[in-house]
Amino acid sequence: MPLSMREREQFLAEPHIGALSVVERPDRAPLTVPIWYHYTPGGELWVRTGPDSRKARAIRSAGRFSLMVQRAEPTVRYVSVEGAVSRTESDSLERSWEMAARYLPQDKVEGFVEYDHAQLGEHVVIFMQPEHWVSADLGSV
């Protein structure tokens, strides 16, 4: 059964690991990679990545991407969104902290943010306003 707009936005707002897909080259299937993301119902979805990463270059070239999230329990449910890049910004310590706090236990956030900035280098934040949605709750398996 498809999810209502409220259900799919609430589900997307939960901290799932996303599968980001973007067309990298016309002669290949889309590049698909796991990624942390952030979404607030009714707002933009955003991801952080290195400015020269393969996915960042592909997103710049394509101007759009999709993201799919899923779970298997208590029911099989998924949401997929697709849309154009609405903006790109330089990363900040606040964005890094916000993303880490979404996925990690509170006592691990500070250490991750320090590691992120010391070892993983510069990031950009890429925003997308979802335009197209596909969703379903397939019930229990």
C-alpha atoms as a PDB file:
ATOM      1  CA  MET A   1       0.000   0.000   0.000  1.00  0.00           C
ATOM      2  CA  PRO A   2       1.317   3.471  -0.837  1.00  0.00           C
ATOM      3  CA  LEU A   3       1.987   5.757   2.115  1.00  0.00           C
ATOM      4  CA  SER A   4       0.162   9.042   2.619  1.00  0.00           C
ATOM      5  CA  MET A   5       2.179  12.257   2.258  1.00  0.00           C
ATOM      6  CA  ARG A   6       2.360  12.585   6.060  1.00  0.00           C
ATOM      7  CA  GLU A   7       3.471   8.950   6.488  1.00  0.00           C
ATOM      8  CA  ARG A   8       6.172   9.138   3.835  1.00  0.00           C
ATOM      9  CA  GLU A   9       7.534  12.453   5.118  1.00  0.00           C
ATOM     10  CA  GLN A  10       7.642  11.118   8.695  1.00  0.00           C
ATOM     11  CA  PHE A  11       9.358   7.932   7.528  1.00  0.00           C
ATOM     12  CA  LEU A  12      11.947   9.873   5.515  1.00  0.00           C
ATOM     13  CA  ALA A  13      12.607  12.075   8.571  1.00  0.00           C
ATOM     14  CA  GLU A  14      13.710   8.995  10.558  1.00  0.00           C
ATOM     15  CA  PRO A  15      17.480   8.294  10.622  1.00  0.00           C
ATOM     16  CA  HIS A  16      17.782   5.532   8.026  1.00  0.00           C
ATOM     17  CA  ILE A  17      20.892   4.983   5.941  1.00  0.00           C
ATOM     18  CA  GLY A  18      20.029   6.300   2.494  1.00  0.00           C
ATOM     19  CA  ALA A  19      20.925   4.845  -0.874  1.00  0.00           C
ATOM     20  CA  LEU A  20      21.823   7.861  -3.018  1.00  0.00           C
ATOM     21  CA  SER A  21      21.637   7.357  -6.786  1.00  0.00           C
ATOM     22  CA  VAL A  22      22.811   9.723  -9.478  1.00  0.00           C
ATOM     23  CA  VAL A  23      23.471   9.349 -13.195  1.00  0.00           C
ATOM     24  CA  GLU A  24      27.204   9.550 -13.593  1.00  0.00           C
ATOM     25  CA  ARG A  25      27.559   8.652 -17.273  1.00  0.00           C
ATOM     26  CA  PRO A  26      24.909   7.999 -19.929  1.00  0.00           C
ATOM     27  CA  ASP A  27      26.444   4.626 -20.848  1.00  0.00           C
ATOM     28  CA  ARG A  28      26.340   3.270 -17.269  1.00  0.00           C
ATOM     29  CA  ALA A  29      23.755   2.495 -14.634  1.00  0.00           C
ATOM     30  CA  PRO A  30      23.420   5.199 -11.957  1.00  0.00           C
ATOM     31  CA  LEU A  31      26.068   5.449  -9.260  1.00  0.00           C
ATOM     32  CA  THR A  32      24.415   4.237  -6.023  1.00  0.00           C
ATOM     33  CA  VAL A  33      26.109   4.675  -2.651  1.00  0.00           C
ATOM     34  CA  PRO A  34      25.061   4.538   1.023  1.00  0.00           C
ATOM     35  CA  ILE A  35      24.891   7.904   2.751  1.00  0.00           C
ATOM     36  CA  TRP A  36      23.726   9.696   5.869  1.00  0.00           C
ATOM     37  CA  TYR A  37      21.085  12.310   5.097  1.00  0.00           C
ATOM     38  CA  HIS A  38      18.849  14.793   6.897  1.00  0.00           C
ATOM     39  CA  TYR A  39      15.215  15.630   6.194  1.00  0.00           C
ATOM     40  CA  THR A  40      12.514  17.615   7.985  1.00  0.00           C
ATOM     41  CA  PRO A  41       8.919  17.080   6.763  1.00  0.00           C
ATOM     42  CA  GLY A  42       7.983  19.713   4.206  1.00  0.00           C
ATOM     43  CA  GLY A  43      11.581  20.874   3.802  1.00  0.00           C
ATOM     44  CA  GLU A  44      14.665  20.069   1.842  1.00  0.00           C
ATOM     45  CA  LEU A  45      16.653  16.867   2.101  1.00  0.00           C
ATOM     46  CA  TRP A  46      20.412  17.379   2.509  1.00  0.00           C
ATOM     47  CA  VAL A  47      23.581  15.329   2.397  1.00  0.00           C
ATOM     48  CA  ARG A  48      27.240  16.067   3.161  1.00  0.00           C
ATOM     49  CA  THR A  49      30.101  14.917   0.970  1.00  0.00           C
ATOM     50  CA  GLY A  50      33.541  15.937  -0.165  1.00  0.00           C
ATOM     51  CA  PRO A  51      33.388  18.653  -2.845  1.00  0.00           C
ATOM     52  CA  ASP A  52      35.488  16.557  -5.239  1.00  0.00           C
ATOM     53  CA  SER A  53      33.985  13.156  -4.391  1.00  0.00           C
ATOM     54  CA  ARG A  54      32.680  10.997  -7.194  1.00  0.00           C
ATOM     55  CA  LYS A  55      29.078  11.527  -6.045  1.00  0.00           C
ATOM     56  CA  ALA A  56      29.515  15.317  -5.723  1.00  0.00           C
ATOM     57  CA  ARG A  57      30.920  15.521  -9.267  1.00  0.00           C
ATOM     58  CA  ALA A  58      28.066  13.373 -10.598  1.00  0.00           C
ATOM     59  CA  ILE A  59      25.426  15.436  -8.774  1.00  0.00           C
ATOM     60  CA  ARG A  60      26.937  18.689 -10.104  1.00  0.00           C
ATOM     61  CA  SER A  61      26.870  17.279 -13.622  1.00  0.00           C
ATOM     62  CA  ALA A  62      23.356  15.788 -13.443  1.00  0.00           C
ATOM     63  CA  GLY A  63      21.841  18.578 -11.350  1.00  0.00           C
ATOM     64  CA  ARG A  64      19.650  16.069  -9.524  1.00  0.00           C
ATOM     65  CA  PHE A  65      19.732  12.833  -7.543  1.00  0.00           C
ATOM     66  CA  SER A  66      17.477  10.350  -5.813  1.00  0.00           C
ATOM     67  CA  LEU A  67      17.558   8.829  -2.358  1.00  0.00           C
ATOM     68  CA  MET A  68      15.839   5.653  -1.149  1.00  0.00           C
ATOM     69  CA  VAL A  69      15.430   4.520   2.455  1.00  0.00           C
ATOM     70  CA  GLN A  70      13.915   1.300   3.752  1.00  0.00           C
ATOM     71  CA  ARG A  71      13.304  -0.888   6.769  1.00  0.00           C
ATOM     72  CA  ALA A  72      12.389  -4.535   7.161  1.00  0.00           C
ATOM     73  CA  GLU A  73      10.763  -4.565  10.634  1.00  0.00           C
ATOM     74  CA  PRO A  74       8.099  -4.283  11.966  1.00  0.00           C
ATOM     75  CA  THR A  75       6.882  -4.074   8.364  1.00  0.00           C
ATOM     76  CA  VAL A  76       8.673  -3.803   5.052  1.00  0.00           C
ATOM     77  CA  ARG A  77       8.477  -0.107   4.194  1.00  0.00           C
ATOM     78  CA  TYR A  78      10.352   2.171   1.826  1.00  0.00           C
ATOM     79  CA  VAL A  79      10.360   5.735   0.550  1.00  0.00           C
ATOM     80  CA  SER A  80      12.221   7.021  -2.489  1.00  0.00           C
ATOM     81  CA  VAL A  81      12.514  10.702  -3.414  1.00  0.00           C
ATOM     82  CA  GLU A  82      13.974  12.382  -6.464  1.00  0.00           C
ATOM     83  CA  GLY A  83      14.541  16.000  -7.319  1.00  0.00           C
ATOM     84  CA  ALA A  84      16.775  18.745  -8.576  1.00  0.00           C
ATOM     85  CA  VAL A  85      19.555  20.184  -6.463  1.00  0.00           C
ATOM     86  CA  SER A  86      18.086  23.290  -4.854  1.00  0.00           C
ATOM     87  CA  ARG A  87      21.386  24.667  -3.513  1.00  0.00           C
ATOM     88  CA  THR A  88      24.885  23.746  -2.401  1.00  0.00           C
ATOM     89  CA  GLU A  89      26.621  25.329   0.587  1.00  0.00           C
ATOM     90  CA  SER A  90      29.966  25.088   2.305  1.00  0.00           C
ATOM     91  CA  ASP A  91      29.846  22.729   5.253  1.00  0.00           C
ATOM     92  CA  SER A  92      29.959  23.970   8.840  1.00  0.00           C
ATOM     93  CA  LEU A  93      30.733  22.533  12.233  1.00  0.00           C
ATOM     94  CA  GLU A  94      27.026  22.896  13.074  1.00  0.00           C
ATOM     95  CA  ARG A  95      25.944  20.820  10.048  1.00  0.00           C
ATOM     96  CA  SER A  96      28.527  18.156  10.855  1.00  0.00           C
ATOM     97  CA  TRP A  97      27.309  18.018  14.452  1.00  0.00           C
ATOM     98  CA  GLU A  98      23.631  17.914  13.388  1.00  0.00           C
ATOM     99  CA  MET A  99      24.234  15.001  11.035  1.00  0.00           C
ATOM    100  CA  ALA A 100      26.377  13.041  13.498  1.00  0.00           C
ATOM    101  CA  ALA A 101      23.818  13.546  16.288  1.00  0.00           C
ATOM    102  CA  ARG A 102      21.131  12.095  14.000  1.00  0.00           C
ATOM    103  CA  TYR A 103      22.983   8.782  13.610  1.00  0.00           C
ATOM    104  CA  LEU A 104      25.298   8.298  16.569  1.00  0.00           C
ATOM    105  CA  PRO A 105      24.801   7.900  20.329  1.00  0.00           C
ATOM    106  CA  GLN A 106      25.196  11.241  22.122  1.00  0.00           C
ATOM    107  CA  ASP A 107      28.503  10.223  23.728  1.00  0.00           C
ATOM    108  CA  LYS A 108      30.056   9.491  20.292  1.00  0.00           C
ATOM    109  CA  VAL A 109      29.074  12.708  18.470  1.00  0.00           C
ATOM    110  CA  GLU A 110      31.894  14.985  19.635  1.00  0.00           C
ATOM    111  CA  GLY A 111      34.585  12.425  18.830  1.00  0.00           C
ATOM    112  CA  PHE A 112      33.140  11.782  15.386  1.00  0.00           C
ATOM    113  CA  VAL A 113      32.899  15.495  14.573  1.00  0.00           C
ATOM    114  CA  GLU A 114      36.538  15.982  15.611  1.00  0.00           C
ATOM    115  CA  TYR A 115      37.590  13.011  13.455  1.00  0.00           C
ATOM    116  CA  ASP A 116      35.419  14.209  10.566  1.00  0.00           C
ATOM    117  CA  HIS A 117      37.041  17.637  10.469  1.00  0.00           C
ATOM    118  CA  ALA A 118      40.600  16.456  11.155  1.00  0.00           C
ATOM    119  CA  GLN A 119      40.685  13.373   8.914  1.00  0.00           C
ATOM    120  CA  LEU A 120      37.926  13.497   6.297  1.00  0.00           C
ATOM    121  CA  GLY A 121      38.611  16.965   4.937  1.00  0.00           C
ATOM    122  CA  GLU A 122      36.377  19.600   3.464  1.00  0.00           C
ATOM    123  CA  HIS A 123      32.703  18.874   2.806  1.00  0.00           C
ATOM    124  CA  VAL A 124      29.860  20.555   1.002  1.00  0.00           C
ATOM    125  CA  VAL A 125      26.180  20.316   1.847  1.00  0.00           C
ATOM    126  CA  ILE A 126      23.921  19.487  -1.101  1.00  0.00           C
ATOM    127  CA  PHE A 127      20.209  20.230  -0.771  1.00  0.00           C
ATOM    128  CA  MET A 128      17.343  18.728  -2.749  1.00  0.00           C
ATOM    129  CA  GLN A 129      13.643  19.598  -2.622  1.00  0.00           C
ATOM    130  CA  PRO A 130      11.830  16.280  -3.202  1.00  0.00           C
ATOM    131  CA  GLU A 131       9.766  16.468  -6.396  1.00  0.00           C
ATOM    132  CA  HIS A 132       8.796  12.855  -7.001  1.00  0.00           C
ATOM    133  CA  TRP A 133       7.961  10.251  -4.352  1.00  0.00           C
ATOM    134  CA  VAL A 134       7.574   6.474  -4.482  1.00  0.00           C
ATOM    135  CA  SER A 135       6.567   4.711  -1.274  1.00  0.00           C
ATOM    136  CA  ALA A 136       4.998   1.560   0.064  1.00  0.00           C
ATOM    137  CA  ASP A 137       4.312  -0.395   3.198  1.00  0.00           C
ATOM    138  CA  LEU A 138       4.324  -4.040   2.164  1.00  0.00           C
ATOM    139  CA  GLY A 139       3.242  -5.377   5.544  1.00  0.00           C
ATOM    140  CA  SER A 140       4.912  -8.063   7.599  1.00  0.00           C
ATOM    141  CA  VAL A 141       7.073 -10.676   5.948  1.00  0.00           C
END
